[in-house]
Amino acid sequence: MVINVRCLVIVLLMMIFTGCGMQPQSDNKPNDTYSVVDDYGNVLRFDSKPKKIYAGTLSIEELLVDLVAADRFAAISEDALDGNTSLIKKKAEHVKKVVPTYIGVEAILAMQPDLVIVQENHNKAFIDALKDTGLKVMVTKVPTNLDMVQKRIALIARAVGEEERGKQIINDMDKKLAVVQSKVGKIPDGCFWQ
């Protein structure tokens, strides 16, 4: 009986120290993959977070600088560095590559971005040409109300693999809007039209 207990203890210790023959997991887990459906039903699949992102407009760049580090931009537009039109000049200065505001498909392809985000108001032929090159192209609608703005933040945050950061931006926005509403809600009706 004592021998059986010793054997059992030895077997248990061997299982603990050898991990029952299990292999250590690598950093490249298959469950790191994710997919995103853009505003036009295009499905984009990612094996990991995009590391070289190109945004087709200043409004998308303004969101991206709060979602990702500067080294994850493939480039930033000259408009982002213009203090007269940009709200992100200081943050945009940290992006190494600066390109003209309007560049062609060839220039974008030369940057080798792993994600291109464009708005629906880009020329359809331009968007189709980007897709034809094999680049991952996400097309977003131009937001016209608060709900669309928040959906856009969530969509882009998911695409760049920063969902939690996107939720934080939306939460911060909601808090600021609540403060404004608390002040504006106290103003009597008709006060502005007298």
N, C-alpha and C. Protein backbone atom coordinates (compact mmCIF):
# COMPACT_ATOMS: atom_id res chain seq x y z
N MET A 1 0.82 -1.19 0.00
CA MET A 1 0.00 0.00 0.00
C MET A 1 0.86 1.26 0.00
N VAL A 2 1.95 1.24 0.83
CA VAL A 2 2.86 2.38 0.90
C VAL A 2 3.53 2.58 -0.45
N ILE A 3 3.87 1.51 -1.14
CA ILE A 3 4.52 1.60 -2.45
C ILE A 3 3.55 2.22 -3.45
N ASN A 4 2.29 1.85 -3.42
CA ASN A 4 1.29 2.40 -4.33
C ASN A 4 1.12 3.91 -4.11
N VAL A 5 1.13 4.35 -2.86
CA VAL A 5 1.00 5.78 -2.55
C VAL A 5 2.22 6.52 -3.08
N ARG A 6 3.41 5.95 -2.89
CA ARG A 6 4.64 6.59 -3.39
C ARG A 6 4.61 6.67 -4.91
N CYS A 7 4.18 5.63 -5.55
CA CYS A 7 4.08 5.64 -7.02
C CYS A 7 3.10 6.71 -7.48
N LEU A 8 1.97 6.79 -6.80
CA LEU A 8 0.97 7.79 -7.13
C LEU A 8 1.53 9.21 -6.96
N VAL A 9 2.24 9.46 -5.87
CA VAL A 9 2.84 10.77 -5.63
C VAL A 9 3.87 11.09 -6.71
N ILE A 10 4.69 10.11 -7.07
CA ILE A 10 5.70 10.32 -8.11
C ILE A 10 5.03 10.64 -9.45
N VAL A 11 4.00 9.91 -9.79
CA VAL A 11 3.28 10.15 -11.06
C VAL A 11 2.66 11.54 -11.05
N LEU A 12 2.06 11.93 -9.93
CA LEU A 12 1.46 13.26 -9.84
C LEU A 12 2.51 14.36 -9.98
N LEU A 13 3.65 14.19 -9.32
CA LEU A 13 4.73 15.17 -9.43
C LEU A 13 5.25 15.27 -10.86
N MET A 14 5.37 14.14 -11.51
CA MET A 14 5.82 14.14 -12.91
C MET A 14 4.82 14.88 -13.80
N MET A 15 3.55 14.68 -13.54
CA MET A 15 2.53 15.36 -14.34
C MET A 15 2.58 16.87 -14.11
N ILE A 16 2.79 17.26 -12.86
CA ILE A 16 2.85 18.69 -12.54
C ILE A 16 4.06 19.34 -13.22
N PHE A 17 5.23 18.70 -13.10
CA PHE A 17 6.45 19.31 -13.64
C PHE A 17 6.57 19.20 -15.14
N THR A 18 5.91 18.26 -15.74
CA THR A 18 6.00 18.13 -17.20
C THR A 18 4.79 18.73 -17.89
N GLY A 19 3.81 19.17 -17.14
CA GLY A 19 2.63 19.79 -17.75
C GLY A 19 1.79 18.79 -18.51
N CYS A 20 1.88 17.53 -18.15
CA CYS A 20 1.10 16.47 -18.80
C CYS A 20 1.38 16.42 -20.29
N GLY A 21 2.60 16.77 -20.68
CA GLY A 21 2.97 16.70 -22.09
C GLY A 21 2.43 17.84 -22.94
N MET A 22 1.88 18.87 -22.32
CA MET A 22 1.32 19.98 -23.08
C MET A 22 2.45 20.87 -23.60
N GLN A 23 2.27 21.39 -24.78
CA GLN A 23 3.24 22.30 -25.38
C GLN A 23 2.95 23.73 -24.92
N PRO A 24 3.98 24.53 -24.68
CA PRO A 24 3.73 25.93 -24.31
C PRO A 24 3.08 26.67 -25.47
N GLN A 25 2.19 27.59 -25.15
CA GLN A 25 1.52 28.35 -26.20
C GLN A 25 2.43 29.45 -26.69
N SER A 26 2.40 29.68 -28.00
CA SER A 26 3.21 30.75 -28.58
C SER A 26 2.45 32.07 -28.47
N ASP A 27 3.14 33.16 -28.78
CA ASP A 27 2.51 34.47 -28.75
C ASP A 27 1.56 34.67 -29.92
N ASN A 28 1.72 33.87 -30.98
CA ASN A 28 0.87 33.99 -32.15
C ASN A 28 -0.30 33.03 -32.04
N LYS A 29 -1.24 33.36 -31.19
CA LYS A 29 -2.37 32.48 -30.95
C LYS A 29 -3.36 32.60 -32.10
N PRO A 30 -3.97 31.47 -32.51
CA PRO A 30 -4.95 31.54 -33.58
C PRO A 30 -6.15 32.41 -33.22
N ASN A 31 -6.46 32.53 -31.93
CA ASN A 31 -7.62 33.33 -31.55
C ASN A 31 -7.31 34.83 -31.51
N ASP A 32 -6.12 35.25 -31.99
CA ASP A 32 -5.82 36.67 -32.16
C ASP A 32 -6.49 37.19 -33.43
N THR A 33 -6.96 36.30 -34.29
CA THR A 33 -7.59 36.72 -35.53
C THR A 33 -8.97 37.30 -35.23
N TYR A 34 -9.35 38.27 -36.04
CA TYR A 34 -10.67 38.88 -35.90
C TYR A 34 -11.10 39.44 -37.24
N SER A 35 -12.37 39.72 -37.37
CA SER A 35 -12.87 40.31 -38.61
C SER A 35 -13.76 41.50 -38.30
N VAL A 36 -13.89 42.36 -39.30
CA VAL A 36 -14.68 43.58 -39.18
C VAL A 36 -15.50 43.71 -40.46
N VAL A 37 -16.75 44.13 -40.30
CA VAL A 37 -17.60 44.41 -41.45
C VAL A 37 -17.76 45.92 -41.53
N ASP A 38 -17.30 46.51 -42.66
CA ASP A 38 -17.37 47.97 -42.77
C ASP A 38 -18.79 48.44 -43.07
N ASP A 39 -18.97 49.72 -43.26
CA ASP A 39 -20.30 50.30 -43.47
C ASP A 39 -20.95 49.86 -44.78
N TYR A 40 -20.21 49.22 -45.65
CA TYR A 40 -20.75 48.77 -46.93
C TYR A 40 -20.78 47.25 -47.06
N GLY A 41 -20.62 46.56 -45.92
CA GLY A 41 -20.73 45.11 -45.93
C GLY A 41 -19.47 44.37 -46.32
N ASN A 42 -18.38 45.08 -46.55
CA ASN A 42 -17.11 44.43 -46.87
C ASN A 42 -16.54 43.81 -45.60
N VAL A 43 -16.14 42.55 -45.67
CA VAL A 43 -15.57 41.86 -44.53
C VAL A 43 -14.05 41.91 -44.62
N LEU A 44 -13.42 42.43 -43.58
CA LEU A 44 -11.97 42.48 -43.50
C LEU A 44 -11.52 41.55 -42.39
N ARG A 45 -10.57 40.66 -42.69
CA ARG A 45 -10.06 39.72 -41.70
C ARG A 45 -8.62 40.10 -41.34
N PHE A 46 -8.34 40.01 -40.04
CA PHE A 46 -7.03 40.38 -39.54
C PHE A 46 -6.43 39.23 -38.74
N ASP A 47 -5.16 38.96 -38.96
CA ASP A 47 -4.43 37.97 -38.15
C ASP A 47 -3.83 38.63 -36.92
N SER A 48 -3.65 39.94 -36.99
CA SER A 48 -3.13 40.73 -35.87
C SER A 48 -3.52 42.18 -36.10
N LYS A 49 -3.28 43.01 -35.10
CA LYS A 49 -3.61 44.43 -35.23
C LYS A 49 -2.81 45.04 -36.38
N PRO A 50 -3.43 45.88 -37.19
CA PRO A 50 -2.69 46.56 -38.25
C PRO A 50 -1.57 47.42 -37.67
N LYS A 51 -0.42 47.37 -38.34
CA LYS A 51 0.75 48.12 -37.86
C LYS A 51 1.08 49.32 -38.74
N LYS A 52 0.53 49.34 -39.97
CA LYS A 52 0.76 50.46 -40.89
C LYS A 52 -0.59 50.87 -41.46
N ILE A 53 -1.19 51.88 -40.85
CA ILE A 53 -2.54 52.30 -41.21
C ILE A 53 -2.47 53.61 -42.00
N TYR A 54 -3.23 53.65 -43.08
CA TYR A 54 -3.35 54.90 -43.84
C TYR A 54 -4.80 55.34 -43.81
N ALA A 55 -5.03 56.60 -43.42
CA ALA A 55 -6.37 57.17 -43.38
C ALA A 55 -6.53 58.14 -44.54
N GLY A 56 -7.63 58.01 -45.25
CA GLY A 56 -7.84 58.81 -46.45
C GLY A 56 -8.31 60.23 -46.21
N THR A 57 -8.68 60.57 -44.98
CA THR A 57 -9.18 61.93 -44.71
C THR A 57 -8.72 62.41 -43.34
N LEU A 58 -8.73 63.72 -43.18
CA LEU A 58 -8.33 64.34 -41.91
C LEU A 58 -9.24 63.89 -40.78
N SER A 59 -10.54 63.75 -41.03
CA SER A 59 -11.46 63.38 -39.95
C SER A 59 -11.15 61.98 -39.42
N ILE A 60 -10.70 61.09 -40.28
CA ILE A 60 -10.31 59.75 -39.81
C ILE A 60 -8.98 59.83 -39.08
N GLU A 61 -8.05 60.64 -39.57
CA GLU A 61 -6.77 60.82 -38.88
C GLU A 61 -6.99 61.38 -37.48
N GLU A 62 -7.96 62.32 -37.35
CA GLU A 62 -8.24 62.92 -36.04
C GLU A 62 -8.70 61.87 -35.03
N LEU A 63 -9.40 60.87 -35.49
CA LEU A 63 -9.82 59.78 -34.61
C LEU A 63 -8.65 58.82 -34.35
N LEU A 64 -7.91 58.49 -35.39
CA LEU A 64 -6.83 57.51 -35.25
C LEU A 64 -5.74 57.94 -34.28
N VAL A 65 -5.43 59.23 -34.22
CA VAL A 65 -4.36 59.66 -33.32
C VAL A 65 -4.71 59.39 -31.86
N ASP A 66 -6.01 59.26 -31.56
CA ASP A 66 -6.43 58.93 -30.20
C ASP A 66 -6.59 57.42 -30.00
N LEU A 67 -6.55 56.66 -31.07
CA LEU A 67 -6.70 55.21 -30.97
C LEU A 67 -5.38 54.45 -31.01
N VAL A 68 -4.43 54.92 -31.83
CA VAL A 68 -3.18 54.18 -32.02
C VAL A 68 -1.98 55.09 -31.86
N ALA A 69 -0.84 54.47 -31.60
CA ALA A 69 0.42 55.22 -31.47
C ALA A 69 0.86 55.72 -32.84
N ALA A 70 1.65 56.77 -32.85
CA ALA A 70 2.11 57.39 -34.09
C ALA A 70 2.87 56.41 -34.98
N ASP A 71 3.56 55.45 -34.40
CA ASP A 71 4.34 54.51 -35.22
C ASP A 71 3.46 53.49 -35.96
N ARG A 72 2.16 53.50 -35.70
CA ARG A 72 1.25 52.61 -36.43
C ARG A 72 0.64 53.28 -37.66
N PHE A 73 0.97 54.53 -37.91
CA PHE A 73 0.53 55.23 -39.12
C PHE A 73 1.50 54.93 -40.25
N ALA A 74 0.99 54.60 -41.42
CA ALA A 74 1.84 54.49 -42.60
C ALA A 74 2.32 55.88 -42.99
N ALA A 75 1.45 56.87 -42.83
CA ALA A 75 1.75 58.28 -43.12
C ALA A 75 0.61 59.12 -42.58
N ILE A 76 0.86 60.42 -42.53
CA ILE A 76 -0.18 61.37 -42.13
C ILE A 76 -0.22 62.47 -43.18
N SER A 77 -1.38 63.07 -43.37
CA SER A 77 -1.53 64.08 -44.42
C SER A 77 -0.97 65.43 -43.97
N GLU A 78 -0.63 66.25 -44.96
CA GLU A 78 -0.17 67.61 -44.68
C GLU A 78 -1.25 68.40 -43.95
N ASP A 79 -2.52 68.11 -44.26
CA ASP A 79 -3.62 68.80 -43.58
C ASP A 79 -3.59 68.59 -42.07
N ALA A 80 -3.17 67.42 -41.64
CA ALA A 80 -3.12 67.12 -40.20
C ALA A 80 -2.10 68.00 -39.48
N LEU A 81 -1.13 68.50 -40.21
CA LEU A 81 -0.08 69.35 -39.63
C LEU A 81 -0.39 70.84 -39.77
N ASP A 82 -1.49 71.16 -40.42
CA ASP A 82 -1.88 72.56 -40.63
C ASP A 82 -2.67 73.05 -39.42
N GLY A 83 -2.07 73.91 -38.64
CA GLY A 83 -2.69 74.43 -37.43
C GLY A 83 -3.98 75.20 -37.67
N ASN A 84 -4.22 75.65 -38.92
CA ASN A 84 -5.44 76.39 -39.24
C ASN A 84 -6.65 75.48 -39.45
N THR A 85 -6.40 74.22 -39.83
CA THR A 85 -7.51 73.32 -40.14
C THR A 85 -7.53 72.06 -39.28
N SER A 86 -6.43 71.78 -38.62
CA SER A 86 -6.31 70.52 -37.90
C SER A 86 -6.44 70.70 -36.39
N LEU A 87 -7.14 69.77 -35.78
CA LEU A 87 -7.24 69.74 -34.32
C LEU A 87 -6.16 68.86 -33.71
N ILE A 88 -5.35 68.22 -34.55
CA ILE A 88 -4.39 67.22 -34.07
C ILE A 88 -2.94 67.56 -34.42
N LYS A 89 -2.66 68.80 -34.71
CA LYS A 89 -1.32 69.18 -35.17
C LYS A 89 -0.21 68.63 -34.27
N LYS A 90 -0.32 68.82 -32.98
CA LYS A 90 0.73 68.37 -32.04
C LYS A 90 0.92 66.85 -32.10
N LYS A 91 -0.19 66.11 -32.11
CA LYS A 91 -0.09 64.64 -32.16
C LYS A 91 0.41 64.18 -33.53
N ALA A 92 -0.02 64.87 -34.59
CA ALA A 92 0.37 64.49 -35.95
C ALA A 92 1.86 64.67 -36.18
N GLU A 93 2.48 65.59 -35.47
CA GLU A 93 3.92 65.84 -35.63
C GLU A 93 4.76 64.62 -35.26
N HIS A 94 4.19 63.67 -34.52
CA HIS A 94 4.92 62.48 -34.11
C HIS A 94 4.95 61.38 -35.18
N VAL A 95 4.12 61.54 -36.22
CA VAL A 95 4.11 60.56 -37.31
C VAL A 95 5.28 60.90 -38.24
N LYS A 96 6.09 59.90 -38.55
CA LYS A 96 7.33 60.14 -39.29
C LYS A 96 7.12 60.55 -40.75
N LYS A 97 6.19 59.89 -41.43
CA LYS A 97 6.01 60.14 -42.87
C LYS A 97 4.82 61.07 -43.09
N VAL A 98 5.04 62.14 -43.85
CA VAL A 98 3.99 63.10 -44.20
C VAL A 98 3.80 63.05 -45.71
N VAL A 99 2.53 63.00 -46.12
CA VAL A 99 2.21 62.94 -47.55
C VAL A 99 1.23 64.05 -47.90
N PRO A 100 1.15 64.40 -49.19
CA PRO A 100 0.14 65.39 -49.58
C PRO A 100 -1.26 64.89 -49.21
N THR A 101 -2.19 65.81 -49.08
CA THR A 101 -3.54 65.45 -48.68
C THR A 101 -4.19 64.52 -49.68
N TYR A 102 -4.00 64.76 -50.95
CA TYR A 102 -4.59 63.90 -51.98
C TYR A 102 -3.47 63.17 -52.71
N ILE A 103 -3.41 61.87 -52.49
CA ILE A 103 -2.40 61.07 -53.19
C ILE A 103 -3.10 59.95 -53.96
N GLY A 104 -2.40 59.43 -54.94
CA GLY A 104 -2.97 58.40 -55.78
C GLY A 104 -2.80 57.00 -55.22
N VAL A 105 -3.40 56.06 -55.91
CA VAL A 105 -3.36 54.66 -55.51
C VAL A 105 -1.91 54.15 -55.46
N GLU A 106 -1.10 54.54 -56.44
CA GLU A 106 0.28 54.07 -56.49
C GLU A 106 1.07 54.51 -55.26
N ALA A 107 0.87 55.76 -54.85
CA ALA A 107 1.58 56.28 -53.67
C ALA A 107 1.14 55.56 -52.40
N ILE A 108 -0.14 55.25 -52.31
CA ILE A 108 -0.64 54.52 -51.15
C ILE A 108 -0.08 53.10 -51.15
N LEU A 109 -0.10 52.46 -52.29
CA LEU A 109 0.43 51.09 -52.41
C LEU A 109 1.91 51.05 -52.06
N ALA A 110 2.66 52.08 -52.45
CA ALA A 110 4.10 52.13 -52.16
C ALA A 110 4.39 52.17 -50.66
N MET A 111 3.46 52.69 -49.86
CA MET A 111 3.64 52.72 -48.41
C MET A 111 3.42 51.35 -47.77
N GLN A 112 2.83 50.44 -48.51
CA GLN A 112 2.53 49.09 -48.04
C GLN A 112 1.73 49.06 -46.73
N PRO A 113 0.61 49.81 -46.70
CA PRO A 113 -0.20 49.78 -45.48
C PRO A 113 -0.90 48.43 -45.34
N ASP A 114 -1.15 48.02 -44.10
CA ASP A 114 -1.92 46.79 -43.91
C ASP A 114 -3.38 47.11 -43.63
N LEU A 115 -3.74 48.40 -43.61
CA LEU A 115 -5.14 48.82 -43.55
C LEU A 115 -5.25 50.23 -44.12
N VAL A 116 -6.21 50.41 -45.02
CA VAL A 116 -6.53 51.72 -45.58
C VAL A 116 -7.98 52.01 -45.20
N ILE A 117 -8.21 53.17 -44.60
CA ILE A 117 -9.56 53.56 -44.21
C ILE A 117 -9.95 54.79 -45.02
N VAL A 118 -11.04 54.67 -45.77
CA VAL A 118 -11.53 55.79 -46.60
C VAL A 118 -13.00 56.04 -46.32
N GLN A 119 -13.43 57.24 -46.64
CA GLN A 119 -14.84 57.59 -46.50
C GLN A 119 -15.57 57.29 -47.80
N GLU A 120 -16.87 57.12 -47.69
CA GLU A 120 -17.71 56.82 -48.84
C GLU A 120 -17.68 57.92 -49.90
N ASN A 121 -17.34 59.15 -49.51
CA ASN A 121 -17.36 60.25 -50.47
C ASN A 121 -16.11 60.32 -51.34
N HIS A 122 -15.18 59.38 -51.17
CA HIS A 122 -14.08 59.26 -52.12
C HIS A 122 -14.65 58.77 -53.45
N ASN A 123 -13.96 59.05 -54.50
CA ASN A 123 -14.36 58.59 -55.81
C ASN A 123 -14.44 57.06 -55.82
N LYS A 124 -15.56 56.50 -56.31
CA LYS A 124 -15.75 55.05 -56.31
C LYS A 124 -14.65 54.34 -57.09
N ALA A 125 -14.22 54.92 -58.19
CA ALA A 125 -13.16 54.31 -58.99
C ALA A 125 -11.86 54.24 -58.18
N PHE A 126 -11.60 55.26 -57.38
CA PHE A 126 -10.42 55.28 -56.52
C PHE A 126 -10.49 54.17 -55.48
N ILE A 127 -11.64 54.03 -54.84
CA ILE A 127 -11.83 52.98 -53.83
C ILE A 127 -11.68 51.60 -54.46
N ASP A 128 -12.31 51.41 -55.62
CA ASP A 128 -12.21 50.12 -56.32
C ASP A 128 -10.77 49.82 -56.71
N ALA A 129 -10.04 50.84 -57.16
CA ALA A 129 -8.63 50.64 -57.55
C ALA A 129 -7.79 50.23 -56.34
N LEU A 130 -8.07 50.83 -55.18
CA LEU A 130 -7.36 50.44 -53.96
C LEU A 130 -7.63 48.97 -53.63
N LYS A 131 -8.90 48.59 -53.72
CA LYS A 131 -9.26 47.19 -53.44
C LYS A 131 -8.61 46.24 -54.43
N ASP A 132 -8.55 46.66 -55.70
CA ASP A 132 -7.96 45.80 -56.74
C ASP A 132 -6.49 45.52 -56.52
N THR A 133 -5.81 46.38 -55.77
CA THR A 133 -4.39 46.15 -55.50
C THR A 133 -4.18 45.05 -54.46
N GLY A 134 -5.26 44.66 -53.78
CA GLY A 134 -5.15 43.64 -52.73
C GLY A 134 -5.02 44.22 -51.34
N LEU A 135 -5.04 45.54 -51.22
CA LEU A 135 -4.97 46.17 -49.90
C LEU A 135 -6.28 45.94 -49.15
N LYS A 136 -6.19 45.91 -47.82
CA LYS A 136 -7.40 45.86 -46.99
C LYS A 136 -7.94 47.28 -46.93
N VAL A 137 -9.12 47.46 -47.50
CA VAL A 137 -9.72 48.79 -47.57
C VAL A 137 -11.05 48.77 -46.82
N MET A 138 -11.14 49.63 -45.81
CA MET A 138 -12.38 49.77 -45.05
C MET A 138 -13.04 51.08 -45.47
N VAL A 139 -14.34 50.99 -45.84
CA VAL A 139 -15.08 52.16 -46.29
C VAL A 139 -16.08 52.53 -45.19
N THR A 140 -16.03 53.79 -44.77
CA THR A 140 -16.94 54.27 -43.73
C THR A 140 -17.87 55.33 -44.30
N LYS A 141 -19.05 55.40 -43.73
CA LYS A 141 -19.98 56.46 -44.10
C LYS A 141 -19.52 57.76 -43.45
N VAL A 142 -19.96 58.87 -44.03
CA VAL A 142 -19.68 60.17 -43.43
C VAL A 142 -20.74 60.38 -42.35
N PRO A 143 -20.34 60.50 -41.08
CA PRO A 143 -21.34 60.64 -40.02
C PRO A 143 -22.05 61.98 -40.08
N THR A 144 -23.37 61.93 -39.87
CA THR A 144 -24.16 63.16 -39.90
C THR A 144 -24.91 63.40 -38.60
N ASN A 145 -24.74 62.50 -37.62
CA ASN A 145 -25.36 62.70 -36.31
C ASN A 145 -24.52 61.99 -35.26
N LEU A 146 -24.85 62.21 -34.01
CA LEU A 146 -24.05 61.67 -32.90
C LEU A 146 -23.99 60.15 -32.92
N ASP A 147 -25.12 59.50 -33.19
CA ASP A 147 -25.15 58.05 -33.22
C ASP A 147 -24.17 57.51 -34.28
N MET A 148 -24.16 58.14 -35.45
CA MET A 148 -23.25 57.71 -36.53
C MET A 148 -21.79 57.95 -36.14
N VAL A 149 -21.53 59.06 -35.45
CA VAL A 149 -20.16 59.35 -35.00
C VAL A 149 -19.69 58.24 -34.06
N GLN A 150 -20.53 57.87 -33.10
CA GLN A 150 -20.13 56.85 -32.13
C GLN A 150 -19.99 55.48 -32.78
N LYS A 151 -20.85 55.17 -33.74
CA LYS A 151 -20.71 53.90 -34.46
C LYS A 151 -19.42 53.87 -35.26
N ARG A 152 -19.07 55.02 -35.83
CA ARG A 152 -17.83 55.10 -36.60
C ARG A 152 -16.61 54.90 -35.69
N ILE A 153 -16.64 55.51 -34.53
CA ILE A 153 -15.54 55.34 -33.57
C ILE A 153 -15.39 53.86 -33.22
N ALA A 154 -16.51 53.21 -32.91
CA ALA A 154 -16.47 51.79 -32.54
C ALA A 154 -15.97 50.92 -33.69
N LEU A 155 -16.42 51.22 -34.91
CA LEU A 155 -16.00 50.44 -36.09
C LEU A 155 -14.50 50.57 -36.34
N ILE A 156 -14.01 51.79 -36.35
CA ILE A 156 -12.59 52.00 -36.62
C ILE A 156 -11.75 51.44 -35.48
N ALA A 157 -12.20 51.61 -34.25
CA ALA A 157 -11.48 51.06 -33.10
C ALA A 157 -11.36 49.54 -33.23
N ARG A 158 -12.44 48.89 -33.64
CA ARG A 158 -12.39 47.43 -33.83
C ARG A 158 -11.41 47.07 -34.95
N ALA A 159 -11.46 47.81 -36.04
CA ALA A 159 -10.59 47.50 -37.18
C ALA A 159 -9.11 47.60 -36.81
N VAL A 160 -8.76 48.56 -35.97
CA VAL A 160 -7.35 48.74 -35.61
C VAL A 160 -6.98 47.94 -34.37
N GLY A 161 -7.94 47.14 -33.86
CA GLY A 161 -7.65 46.27 -32.72
C GLY A 161 -7.60 46.99 -31.39
N GLU A 162 -8.31 48.12 -31.28
CA GLU A 162 -8.30 48.93 -30.06
C GLU A 162 -9.71 49.20 -29.57
N GLU A 163 -10.51 48.13 -29.43
CA GLU A 163 -11.91 48.28 -29.02
C GLU A 163 -12.07 48.96 -27.67
N GLU A 164 -11.23 48.60 -26.71
CA GLU A 164 -11.35 49.20 -25.37
C GLU A 164 -11.08 50.70 -25.43
N ARG A 165 -10.08 51.08 -26.20
CA ARG A 165 -9.77 52.51 -26.34
C ARG A 165 -10.94 53.24 -27.00
N GLY A 166 -11.56 52.60 -27.99
CA GLY A 166 -12.72 53.19 -28.65
C GLY A 166 -13.86 53.39 -27.68
N LYS A 167 -14.10 52.40 -26.82
CA LYS A 167 -15.16 52.52 -25.80
C LYS A 167 -14.87 53.67 -24.86
N GLN A 168 -13.60 53.85 -24.50
CA GLN A 168 -13.21 54.94 -23.61
C GLN A 168 -13.47 56.29 -24.25
N ILE A 169 -13.16 56.41 -25.54
CA ILE A 169 -13.41 57.67 -26.26
C ILE A 169 -14.90 57.97 -26.27
N ILE A 170 -15.72 56.96 -26.53
CA ILE A 170 -17.17 57.15 -26.54
C ILE A 170 -17.68 57.53 -25.15
N ASN A 171 -17.17 56.86 -24.12
CA ASN A 171 -17.56 57.20 -22.75
C ASN A 171 -17.19 58.64 -22.39
N ASP A 172 -15.98 59.05 -22.77
CA ASP A 172 -15.55 60.44 -22.51
C ASP A 172 -16.46 61.43 -23.24
N MET A 173 -16.83 61.08 -24.47
CA MET A 173 -17.72 61.92 -25.25
C MET A 173 -19.08 62.04 -24.56
N ASP A 174 -19.61 60.91 -24.09
CA ASP A 174 -20.91 60.93 -23.40
C ASP A 174 -20.86 61.79 -22.14
N LYS A 175 -19.76 61.72 -21.39
CA LYS A 175 -19.62 62.53 -20.17
C LYS A 175 -19.62 64.02 -20.51
N LYS A 176 -18.88 64.40 -21.55
CA LYS A 176 -18.82 65.81 -21.95
C LYS A 176 -20.19 66.29 -22.44
N LEU A 177 -20.88 65.43 -23.19
CA LEU A 177 -22.21 65.79 -23.67
C LEU A 177 -23.20 65.95 -22.52
N ALA A 178 -23.06 65.12 -21.49
CA ALA A 178 -23.94 65.22 -20.32
C ALA A 178 -23.72 66.54 -19.60
N VAL A 179 -22.47 66.98 -19.51
CA VAL A 179 -22.17 68.27 -18.86
C VAL A 179 -22.80 69.40 -19.67
N VAL A 180 -22.63 69.36 -20.98
CA VAL A 180 -23.21 70.40 -21.84
C VAL A 180 -24.73 70.39 -21.71
N GLN A 181 -25.33 69.21 -21.74
CA GLN A 181 -26.79 69.10 -21.63
C GLN A 181 -27.29 69.64 -20.29
N SER A 182 -26.52 69.40 -19.23
CA SER A 182 -26.94 69.90 -17.91
C SER A 182 -26.95 71.42 -17.88
N LYS A 183 -26.06 72.05 -18.62
CA LYS A 183 -26.02 73.52 -18.68
C LYS A 183 -27.08 74.07 -19.62
N VAL A 184 -27.16 73.48 -20.81
CA VAL A 184 -28.09 73.94 -21.83
C VAL A 184 -29.52 73.67 -21.41
N GLY A 185 -29.75 72.58 -20.70
CA GLY A 185 -31.10 72.22 -20.27
C GLY A 185 -31.71 73.23 -19.33
N LYS A 186 -30.91 74.06 -18.70
CA LYS A 186 -31.40 75.07 -17.75
C LYS A 186 -31.79 76.37 -18.45
N ILE A 187 -31.45 76.51 -19.72
CA ILE A 187 -31.79 77.73 -20.45
C ILE A 187 -33.26 77.68 -20.84
N PRO A 188 -34.03 78.69 -20.51
CA PRO A 188 -35.46 78.69 -20.86
C PRO A 188 -35.68 78.68 -22.36
N ASP A 189 -36.79 78.03 -22.77
CA ASP A 189 -37.15 78.01 -24.20
C ASP A 189 -37.31 79.42 -24.72
N GLY A 190 -36.90 79.66 -25.93
CA GLY A 190 -37.06 80.95 -26.57
C GLY A 190 -36.02 81.96 -26.20
N CYS A 191 -35.10 81.61 -25.33
CA CYS A 191 -34.10 82.56 -24.85
C CYS A 191 -33.19 83.04 -25.98
N PHE A 192 -32.92 82.18 -26.93
CA PHE A 192 -31.99 82.53 -28.01
C PHE A 192 -32.65 83.37 -29.10
N TRP A 193 -33.96 83.41 -29.15
CA TRP A 193 -34.65 84.03 -30.27
C TRP A 193 -35.27 85.37 -29.92
N GLN A 194 -34.93 85.97 -28.85
CA GLN A 194 -35.53 87.24 -28.46
C GLN A 194 -34.86 88.40 -29.14
